[in-house]
Amino acid sequence: MTTTSDAKAGADRQKIKAPVKICGDIHGQYEDLLALLELNGWPPETKYLFLGDYVDRGPFSVEVISLLFAYQLLYPDKVFLLRGNHESRPVNMQYGFFLECRKRFSTTLYDAYQMAFYCMPLCAVISDKIICMHGGISEDLVDLKQLDKVERPCDIPDIGVIADLTWADPDTSVQMYGESNRGAGRFFGPEAVKKFLAMHNLELVVRAHQVVYDGYQFFADRQLVTIFSAPFYCGTMDNAAAVMTVDEELVCSFTVMRPNLKKIKDKEKENQEKKETEQDKEKKVMVIKVLVLTVLVDLNQS
């Protein structure tokens, strides 16, 4: 893991040589992370690039990020971790990671993770041809050397290169760039992708950040691909997870892990039982209120 002093001086653009496997959002789904590693190979035999969003939503964010940080420390040339928009205090304070740390461990642990998050790189380039980030491309990124000048630790602002790399989304409603409804980062269209790749002499954009049904989804005539690696996301969506393999010749392929249908049905049953339990509680409370009111009326009349 990059230290604070190293991060201030180091480049924010990771340079990785193929072959490598690329994973998208994990979001605290520890069992699914282990299943993906079992299916695709364990470090250090297999080289990995993770695109961010390790925490929040799922119940085991601490296990996910601890395992990945440990792998990065043990095998710094085999495991690469980029920063997602959820590796930011304002976001993970709200979507589960803070409460998980406070309930299971301590806020001191939470604060330590924030410092690590704020030092994480934002972008990676594979064999000089494939650019990877969590969110998307940026109109303000006119030279990749700009990324080498980013000082860390740093926060994620609402606008600019850092915001776009962690928050931006592809959108067919625009050709170039437009305002995003997320409140941070921007939308970008197929023409923007084409011009971005040509400007930087690149061939493909790989990003995460959005749930896609099959675990991966192409955009802009296959010049961009979205990878999502948390199957059955949040216990409510029947999406698959995908891992993208880039071989020595930069040929890309995908390993897809479908959600367990029994797991989905069990979760739906659990949610239904929970809903019925809550409804039963509400009914009991209402009955008690009616009884209390009846007693009070009887007392007033006597």
Protein backbone atom coordinates (compact mmCIF):
# COMPACT_ATOMS: atom_id res chain seq x y z
CA MET A 1 0.00 0.00 0.00
CA THR A 2 1.30 3.44 -0.90
CA THR A 3 2.32 5.51 2.09
CA THR A 4 1.36 9.16 2.46
CA SER A 5 4.89 10.41 1.77
CA ASP A 6 5.26 8.15 -1.26
CA ALA A 7 1.87 9.23 -2.59
CA LYS A 8 2.75 12.91 -2.52
CA ALA A 9 5.75 12.32 -4.74
CA GLY A 10 4.46 9.38 -6.80
CA ALA A 11 2.49 9.34 -10.02
CA ASP A 12 -1.28 9.06 -9.94
CA ARG A 13 -1.13 7.00 -13.13
CA GLN A 14 -0.31 3.33 -12.62
CA LYS A 15 1.58 1.71 -15.51
CA ILE A 16 0.79 -1.99 -15.80
CA LYS A 17 2.06 -4.54 -18.27
CA ALA A 18 -0.33 -7.16 -19.67
CA PRO A 19 -1.44 -9.85 -18.98
CA VAL A 20 -3.78 -8.71 -16.21
CA LYS A 21 -7.30 -9.37 -14.97
CA ILE A 22 -9.55 -6.37 -14.25
CA CYS A 23 -12.31 -6.28 -11.63
CA GLY A 24 -15.00 -3.65 -11.11
CA ASP A 25 -17.03 -2.73 -8.03
CA ILE A 26 -16.95 -5.17 -5.08
CA HIS A 27 -18.94 -3.16 -2.49
CA GLY A 28 -18.36 -5.22 0.63
CA GLN A 29 -19.41 -8.55 -0.94
CA TYR A 30 -16.57 -10.57 0.56
CA GLU A 31 -17.84 -14.06 -0.29
CA ASP A 32 -18.29 -13.03 -3.90
CA LEU A 33 -14.77 -11.57 -4.00
CA LEU A 34 -13.38 -14.90 -2.80
CA ALA A 35 -15.46 -16.71 -5.42
CA LEU A 36 -14.09 -14.44 -8.16
CA LEU A 37 -10.51 -15.07 -7.03
CA GLU A 38 -11.13 -18.81 -6.87
CA LEU A 39 -12.57 -18.76 -10.38
CA ASN A 40 -9.93 -16.50 -11.96
CA GLY A 41 -6.80 -17.37 -10.00
CA TRP A 42 -5.21 -16.16 -6.79
CA PRO A 43 -2.39 -13.63 -6.46
CA PRO A 44 0.52 -13.72 -7.05
CA GLU A 45 0.07 -16.29 -9.83
CA THR A 46 -2.59 -14.01 -11.33
CA LYS A 47 -2.11 -10.26 -11.75
CA TYR A 48 -5.10 -8.07 -10.86
CA LEU A 49 -6.25 -4.50 -11.32
CA PHE A 50 -9.25 -3.43 -9.23
CA LEU A 51 -11.16 -0.33 -10.32
CA GLY A 52 -12.44 0.90 -6.95
CA ASP A 53 -15.59 0.88 -4.80
CA TYR A 54 -14.46 -1.79 -2.36
CA VAL A 55 -16.64 -0.56 0.51
CA ASP A 56 -20.27 0.37 1.29
CA ARG A 57 -23.55 -1.36 0.46
CA GLY A 58 -22.39 -4.90 1.31
CA PRO A 59 -21.93 -6.22 4.89
CA PHE A 60 -18.20 -7.06 4.83
CA SER A 61 -16.41 -3.97 3.57
CA VAL A 62 -13.67 -4.29 6.20
CA GLU A 63 -12.84 -7.83 5.07
CA VAL A 64 -12.82 -6.83 1.39
CA ILE A 65 -10.53 -3.84 1.72
CA SER A 66 -8.28 -5.53 4.30
CA LEU A 67 -7.72 -8.54 2.04
CA LEU A 68 -6.98 -6.38 -1.00
CA PHE A 69 -4.64 -4.07 0.91
CA ALA A 70 -2.83 -7.14 2.29
CA TYR A 71 -2.41 -8.56 -1.22
CA GLN A 72 -1.12 -5.21 -2.46
CA LEU A 73 1.42 -5.05 0.35
CA LEU A 74 2.57 -8.63 -0.29
CA TYR A 75 2.60 -8.43 -4.09
CA PRO A 76 2.89 -4.76 -5.17
CA ASP A 77 3.71 -5.76 -8.74
CA LYS A 78 0.77 -8.19 -8.97
CA VAL A 79 -2.16 -6.40 -7.28
CA PHE A 80 -3.12 -2.85 -8.23
CA LEU A 81 -5.92 -0.89 -6.59
CA LEU A 82 -7.52 2.26 -7.98
CA ARG A 83 -9.73 4.65 -6.08
CA GLY A 84 -13.49 4.76 -6.62
CA ASN A 85 -15.98 7.40 -5.59
CA HIS A 86 -16.85 5.38 -2.47
CA GLU A 87 -13.25 5.62 -1.26
CA SER A 88 -14.11 9.08 0.04
CA ARG A 89 -15.27 10.09 3.51
CA PRO A 90 -18.40 12.05 2.47
CA VAL A 91 -19.66 9.00 0.55
CA ASN A 92 -18.68 6.07 2.77
CA MET A 93 -19.81 7.98 5.85
CA GLN A 94 -23.30 7.78 4.38
CA TYR A 95 -23.51 4.39 2.66
CA GLY A 96 -22.43 1.90 5.30
CA PHE A 97 -18.67 1.74 5.81
CA PHE A 98 -18.58 4.17 8.74
CA LEU A 99 -21.34 2.34 10.61
CA GLU A 100 -19.70 -1.03 9.92
CA CYS A 101 -16.37 0.17 11.33
CA ARG A 102 -17.98 1.82 14.35
CA LYS A 103 -20.19 -1.15 15.17
CA ARG A 104 -17.66 -3.93 14.62
CA PHE A 105 -14.33 -2.24 15.35
CA SER A 106 -13.76 1.48 15.98
CA THR A 107 -13.87 4.90 14.38
CA THR A 108 -10.06 4.92 14.68
CA LEU A 109 -9.93 2.10 12.14
CA TYR A 110 -12.33 4.04 9.92
CA ASP A 111 -10.09 7.12 10.02
CA ALA A 112 -7.02 5.04 9.17
CA TYR A 113 -8.75 3.63 6.10
CA GLN A 114 -9.71 7.13 4.98
CA MET A 115 -6.06 8.19 4.91
CA ALA A 116 -5.25 5.12 2.82
CA PHE A 117 -8.15 5.87 0.47
CA TYR A 118 -7.04 9.46 -0.01
CA CYS A 119 -3.62 8.22 -1.16
CA MET A 120 -4.89 5.75 -3.77
CA PRO A 121 -4.16 6.29 -7.48
CA LEU A 122 -7.00 7.26 -9.81
CA CYS A 123 -5.98 5.80 -13.14
CA ALA A 124 -4.00 2.97 -14.75
CA VAL A 125 -2.69 2.39 -18.27
CA ILE A 126 -2.12 -1.17 -19.45
CA SER A 127 0.73 -1.66 -21.94
CA ASP A 128 0.36 1.96 -23.11
CA LYS A 129 -2.94 1.20 -24.88
CA ILE A 130 -5.77 0.53 -22.40
CA ILE A 131 -6.72 3.23 -19.90
CA CYS A 132 -8.61 2.24 -16.76
CA MET A 133 -10.41 4.22 -14.08
CA HIS A 134 -13.44 3.91 -11.84
CA GLY A 135 -15.73 6.55 -13.34
CA GLY A 136 -14.84 7.82 -16.77
CA ILE A 137 -12.92 10.10 -19.08
CA SER A 138 -12.49 13.84 -18.56
CA GLU A 139 -12.63 16.74 -20.99
CA ASP A 140 -10.05 18.47 -18.78
CA LEU A 141 -7.51 15.66 -19.13
CA VAL A 142 -5.60 16.88 -22.18
CA ASP A 143 -2.30 15.22 -21.24
CA LEU A 144 -1.90 12.05 -19.18
CA LYS A 145 1.14 13.63 -17.55
CA GLN A 146 -1.33 15.82 -15.64
CA LEU A 147 -2.01 12.76 -13.49
CA ASP A 148 1.63 12.57 -12.47
CA LYS A 149 1.28 15.99 -10.83
CA VAL A 150 -1.66 15.14 -8.56
CA GLU A 151 -0.57 15.46 -4.95
CA ARG A 152 -1.92 12.94 -2.50
CA PRO A 153 -3.56 12.58 -0.06
CA CYS A 154 -6.39 14.39 -1.81
CA ASP A 155 -10.15 14.68 -1.56
CA ILE A 156 -12.52 14.12 -4.47
CA PRO A 157 -14.06 17.41 -5.66
CA ASP A 158 -17.37 17.76 -7.53
CA ILE A 159 -15.82 18.98 -10.78
CA GLY A 160 -12.58 18.55 -12.70
CA VAL A 161 -10.32 15.66 -13.67
CA ILE A 162 -10.40 13.86 -10.31
CA ALA A 163 -14.20 14.10 -10.14
CA ASP A 164 -14.58 12.73 -13.67
CA LEU A 165 -12.16 9.85 -13.12
CA THR A 166 -14.19 8.69 -10.11
CA TRP A 167 -17.76 9.80 -10.93
CA ALA A 168 -18.32 10.25 -14.70
CA ASP A 169 -20.71 8.04 -16.70
CA PRO A 170 -21.17 7.23 -20.40
CA ASP A 171 -24.50 8.41 -21.79
CA THR A 172 -26.01 8.11 -25.26
CA SER A 173 -28.02 11.32 -24.81
CA VAL A 174 -24.87 13.36 -25.45
CA GLN A 175 -22.16 13.08 -28.09
CA MET A 176 -19.43 14.92 -26.23
CA TYR A 177 -19.89 16.03 -22.59
CA GLY A 178 -22.86 17.07 -20.47
CA GLU A 179 -23.93 17.69 -16.90
CA SER A 180 -24.47 14.61 -14.73
CA ASN A 181 -27.45 14.06 -12.43
CA ARG A 182 -25.15 12.50 -9.82
CA GLY A 183 -24.00 15.90 -8.58
CA ALA A 184 -20.34 15.11 -9.34
CA GLY A 185 -18.45 14.30 -12.52
CA ARG A 186 -19.99 14.61 -15.98
CA PHE A 187 -21.73 12.58 -18.65
CA PHE A 188 -19.73 11.77 -21.77
CA GLY A 189 -20.87 10.45 -25.13
CA PRO A 190 -19.46 8.16 -27.84
CA GLU A 191 -17.81 11.00 -29.76
CA ALA A 192 -16.03 12.11 -26.58
CA VAL A 193 -14.65 8.58 -26.14
CA LYS A 194 -13.44 8.47 -29.73
CA LYS A 195 -11.65 11.83 -29.47
CA PHE A 196 -10.19 11.03 -26.04
CA LEU A 197 -8.62 7.80 -27.30
CA ALA A 198 -7.24 9.47 -30.41
CA MET A 199 -5.80 12.38 -28.40
CA HIS A 200 -3.90 10.06 -26.06
CA ASN A 201 -3.02 7.33 -28.61
CA LEU A 202 -5.07 4.73 -26.73
CA GLU A 203 -7.30 1.88 -27.91
CA LEU A 204 -9.77 1.18 -25.10
CA VAL A 205 -11.33 2.68 -21.97
CA VAL A 206 -12.16 0.29 -19.11
CA ARG A 207 -14.26 1.60 -16.22
CA ALA A 208 -16.68 0.43 -13.51
CA HIS A 209 -19.11 2.52 -11.39
CA GLN A 210 -22.42 1.25 -12.82
CA VAL A 211 -24.37 -1.98 -12.43
CA VAL A 212 -24.63 -3.82 -15.75
CA TYR A 213 -26.79 -6.91 -16.07
CA ASP A 214 -24.23 -9.26 -17.64
CA GLY A 215 -21.29 -7.97 -15.58
CA TYR A 216 -19.84 -6.12 -18.57
CA GLN A 217 -21.25 -3.79 -21.21
CA PHE A 218 -19.74 -2.05 -24.24
CA PHE A 219 -20.22 1.56 -25.29
CA ALA A 220 -19.12 3.79 -28.18
CA ASP A 221 -18.63 1.02 -30.76
CA ARG A 222 -16.76 -1.17 -28.26
CA GLN A 223 -14.22 1.55 -27.53
CA LEU A 224 -15.31 1.55 -23.86
CA VAL A 225 -16.39 -1.24 -21.56
CA THR A 226 -17.99 -1.12 -18.12
CA ILE A 227 -17.05 -3.89 -15.66
CA PHE A 228 -19.09 -4.70 -12.54
CA SER A 229 -17.92 -7.45 -10.19
CA ALA A 230 -20.56 -7.62 -7.43
CA PRO A 231 -23.19 -10.23 -8.38
CA PHE A 232 -26.73 -10.01 -6.96
CA TYR A 233 -25.89 -6.41 -6.02
CA CYS A 234 -27.30 -5.23 -2.69
CA GLY A 235 -29.25 -8.47 -2.44
CA THR A 236 -31.93 -7.06 -4.72
CA MET A 237 -30.58 -7.17 -8.29
CA ASP A 238 -30.05 -10.33 -10.34
CA ASN A 239 -27.02 -8.96 -12.19
CA ALA A 240 -23.97 -11.09 -12.98
CA ALA A 241 -20.37 -10.25 -12.07
CA ALA A 242 -17.57 -10.10 -14.61
CA VAL A 243 -13.79 -10.11 -14.65
CA MET A 244 -12.01 -8.91 -17.79
CA THR A 245 -8.83 -10.66 -18.91
CA VAL A 246 -6.28 -8.79 -21.01
CA ASP A 247 -3.71 -11.18 -22.47
CA GLU A 248 -0.16 -10.48 -23.69
CA GLU A 249 -1.47 -9.46 -27.13
CA LEU A 250 -4.06 -7.13 -25.54
CA VAL A 251 -6.89 -9.44 -26.58
CA CYS A 252 -9.74 -9.02 -24.10
CA SER A 253 -12.13 -11.69 -22.82
CA PHE A 254 -14.60 -11.97 -19.95
CA THR A 255 -15.30 -14.45 -17.18
CA VAL A 256 -18.89 -14.09 -15.97
CA MET A 257 -20.23 -15.30 -12.63
CA ARG A 258 -24.01 -15.55 -12.51
CA PRO A 259 -25.83 -14.94 -9.22
CA ASN A 260 -26.96 -17.97 -7.24
CA LEU A 261 -30.71 -18.30 -7.88
CA LYS A 262 -31.24 -20.09 -4.56
CA LYS A 263 -29.46 -17.24 -2.81
CA ILE A 264 -31.78 -14.76 -4.53
CA LYS A 265 -34.91 -16.70 -3.56
CA ASP A 266 -33.70 -17.09 0.02
CA LYS A 267 -33.01 -13.35 0.21
CA GLU A 268 -36.43 -12.52 -1.22
CA LYS A 269 -38.02 -14.85 1.33
CA GLU A 270 -36.00 -13.25 4.11
CA ASN A 271 -37.07 -9.76 2.98
CA GLN A 272 -40.70 -10.85 2.78
CA GLU A 273 -40.59 -12.39 6.26
CA LYS A 274 -38.95 -9.23 7.60
CA LYS A 275 -41.65 -7.12 5.97
CA GLU A 276 -44.39 -9.34 7.43
CA THR A 277 -42.75 -9.16 10.87
CA GLU A 278 -42.70 -5.35 10.69
CA GLN A 279 -46.35 -5.34 9.62
CA ASP A 280 -47.24 -7.65 12.53
CA LYS A 281 -45.46 -5.29 14.92
CA GLU A 282 -47.40 -2.34 13.54
CA LYS A 283 -50.68 -4.24 13.94
CA LYS A 284 -49.84 -5.14 17.55
CA VAL A 285 -48.95 -1.54 18.32
CA MET A 286 -52.27 -0.41 16.80
CA VAL A 287 -54.20 -2.99 18.85
CA ILE A 288 -52.47 -1.83 22.03
CA LYS A 289 -53.28 1.81 21.23
CA VAL A 290 -56.95 0.90 20.66
CA LEU A 291 -57.09 -1.03 23.94
CA VAL A 292 -55.48 1.83 25.86
CA LEU A 293 -57.91 4.30 24.29
CA THR A 294 -60.85 2.03 25.17
CA VAL A 295 -59.71 1.79 28.80
CA LEU A 296 -59.31 5.57 29.04
CA VAL A 297 -62.80 6.09 27.63
CA ASP A 298 -64.25 3.59 30.13
CA LEU A 299 -62.46 5.36 32.99
CA ASN A 300 -63.81 8.74 31.93
CA GLN A 301 -67.34 7.39 31.73
CA SER A 302 -67.22 5.69 35.13
